[in-house]
Amino acid sequence: MHLEPGDRLLVSDREGDRAGHVCRILSAWGADGTPPYVVLRYDTGNEELLVPDAELEIRVLTHAPA
């Protein structure tokens, strides 16, 4: 997964145990836009580290303008 700062995501639990949330990529710590990502969650206003795994479903809502 290659994402850029400014991209907006919908992150949800594949099991459906947790409601999804929307966040914006602040930075990518991996090479060339790969995970992990520092994101800003819109629901809480908190910055957190997002490490994609098999239990998360991540959909790109919008890409940052080039």
C-alpha atoms as a PDB file:
ATOM      1  CA  MET A   1       0.000   0.000   0.000  1.00  0.00           C
ATOM      2  CA  HIS A   2       1.499   3.316  -1.111  1.00  0.00           C
ATOM      3  CA  LEU A   3      -0.097   6.428   0.370  1.00  0.00           C
ATOM      4  CA  GLU A   4       0.895  10.065   0.547  1.00  0.00           C
ATOM      5  CA  PRO A   5       0.405  12.755   3.200  1.00  0.00           C
ATOM      6  CA  GLY A   6      -3.048  14.269   2.755  1.00  0.00           C
ATOM      7  CA  ASP A   7      -4.720  11.048   1.580  1.00  0.00           C
ATOM      8  CA  ARG A   8      -7.981  10.343   3.427  1.00  0.00           C
ATOM      9  CA  LEU A   9      -8.837   6.811   4.541  1.00  0.00           C
ATOM     10  CA  LEU A  10     -11.738   4.877   5.984  1.00  0.00           C
ATOM     11  CA  VAL A  11     -10.365   2.346   8.476  1.00  0.00           C
ATOM     12  CA  SER A  12     -12.628  -0.386   9.812  1.00  0.00           C
ATOM     13  CA  ASP A  13     -12.433  -3.742  11.541  1.00  0.00           C
ATOM     14  CA  ARG A  14     -12.979  -6.694   9.177  1.00  0.00           C
ATOM     15  CA  GLU A  15     -14.887  -8.507  11.944  1.00  0.00           C
ATOM     16  CA  GLY A  16     -17.320  -5.614  12.336  1.00  0.00           C
ATOM     17  CA  ASP A  17     -16.646  -5.331  16.086  1.00  0.00           C
ATOM     18  CA  ARG A  18     -15.676  -1.664  15.879  1.00  0.00           C
ATOM     19  CA  ALA A  19     -17.189   1.163  13.889  1.00  0.00           C
ATOM     20  CA  GLY A  20     -14.991   2.561  11.150  1.00  0.00           C
ATOM     21  CA  HIS A  21     -13.285   5.922  11.319  1.00  0.00           C
ATOM     22  CA  VAL A  22     -11.968   8.439   8.812  1.00  0.00           C
ATOM     23  CA  CYS A  23      -8.424   9.692   9.062  1.00  0.00           C
ATOM     24  CA  ARG A  24      -5.868  11.699   7.084  1.00  0.00           C
ATOM     25  CA  ILE A  25      -2.288  10.590   6.459  1.00  0.00           C
ATOM     26  CA  LEU A  26       0.174  12.998   8.068  1.00  0.00           C
ATOM     27  CA  SER A  27       3.328  11.044   7.197  1.00  0.00           C
ATOM     28  CA  ALA A  28       4.521   7.678   5.974  1.00  0.00           C
ATOM     29  CA  TRP A  29       7.408   6.132   7.896  1.00  0.00           C
ATOM     30  CA  GLY A  30       8.150   3.440   5.328  1.00  0.00           C
ATOM     31  CA  ALA A  31      10.003   3.914   2.058  1.00  0.00           C
ATOM     32  CA  ASP A  32       8.048   5.457  -0.846  1.00  0.00           C
ATOM     33  CA  GLY A  33       4.751   5.900   1.007  1.00  0.00           C
ATOM     34  CA  THR A  34       4.584   2.482   2.642  1.00  0.00           C
ATOM     35  CA  PRO A  35       3.399   1.765   6.214  1.00  0.00           C
ATOM     36  CA  PRO A  36       3.432   2.496   9.031  1.00  0.00           C
ATOM     37  CA  TYR A  37       1.564   5.800   8.778  1.00  0.00           C
ATOM     38  CA  VAL A  38       1.018   8.642  11.204  1.00  0.00           C
ATOM     39  CA  VAL A  39      -2.633   9.634  10.842  1.00  0.00           C
ATOM     40  CA  LEU A  40      -5.007  12.240  12.225  1.00  0.00           C
ATOM     41  CA  ARG A  41      -8.319  10.683  13.258  1.00  0.00           C
ATOM     42  CA  TYR A  42     -11.241  12.981  12.503  1.00  0.00           C
ATOM     43  CA  ASP A  43     -13.500  11.429  15.170  1.00  0.00           C
ATOM     44  CA  THR A  44     -11.130  12.024  18.090  1.00  0.00           C
ATOM     45  CA  GLY A  45      -8.734  14.684  16.773  1.00  0.00           C
ATOM     46  CA  ASN A  46      -5.823  12.509  17.906  1.00  0.00           C
ATOM     47  CA  GLU A  47      -2.695  11.599  15.989  1.00  0.00           C
ATOM     48  CA  GLU A  48      -1.858   7.900  16.041  1.00  0.00           C
ATOM     49  CA  LEU A  49       0.276   5.297  14.338  1.00  0.00           C
ATOM     50  CA  LEU A  50      -1.582   3.161  11.787  1.00  0.00           C
ATOM     51  CA  VAL A  51      -0.004  -0.195  11.051  1.00  0.00           C
ATOM     52  CA  PRO A  52      -2.153  -2.062   8.510  1.00  0.00           C
ATOM     53  CA  ASP A  53      -2.758  -5.715   9.332  1.00  0.00           C
ATOM     54  CA  ALA A  54      -5.072  -8.537   8.249  1.00  0.00           C
ATOM     55  CA  GLU A  55      -7.767  -7.489  10.745  1.00  0.00           C
ATOM     56  CA  LEU A  56      -8.166  -3.972   9.320  1.00  0.00           C
ATOM     57  CA  GLU A  57      -9.948  -2.961   6.154  1.00  0.00           C
ATOM     58  CA  ILE A  58      -8.544   0.254   4.702  1.00  0.00           C
ATOM     59  CA  ARG A  59     -10.243   2.122   1.856  1.00  0.00           C
ATOM     60  CA  VAL A  60      -8.795   5.226   0.244  1.00  0.00           C
ATOM     61  CA  LEU A  61     -11.497   7.912   0.136  1.00  0.00           C
ATOM     62  CA  THR A  62      -9.479  10.650  -1.562  1.00  0.00           C
ATOM     63  CA  HIS A  63      -5.907  11.117  -2.679  1.00  0.00           C
ATOM     64  CA  ALA A  64      -4.045  14.302  -1.884  1.00  0.00           C
ATOM     65  CA  PRO A  65      -3.806  16.748  -4.771  1.00  0.00           C
ATOM     66  CA  ALA A  66      -0.574  16.362  -6.717  1.00  0.00           C
END
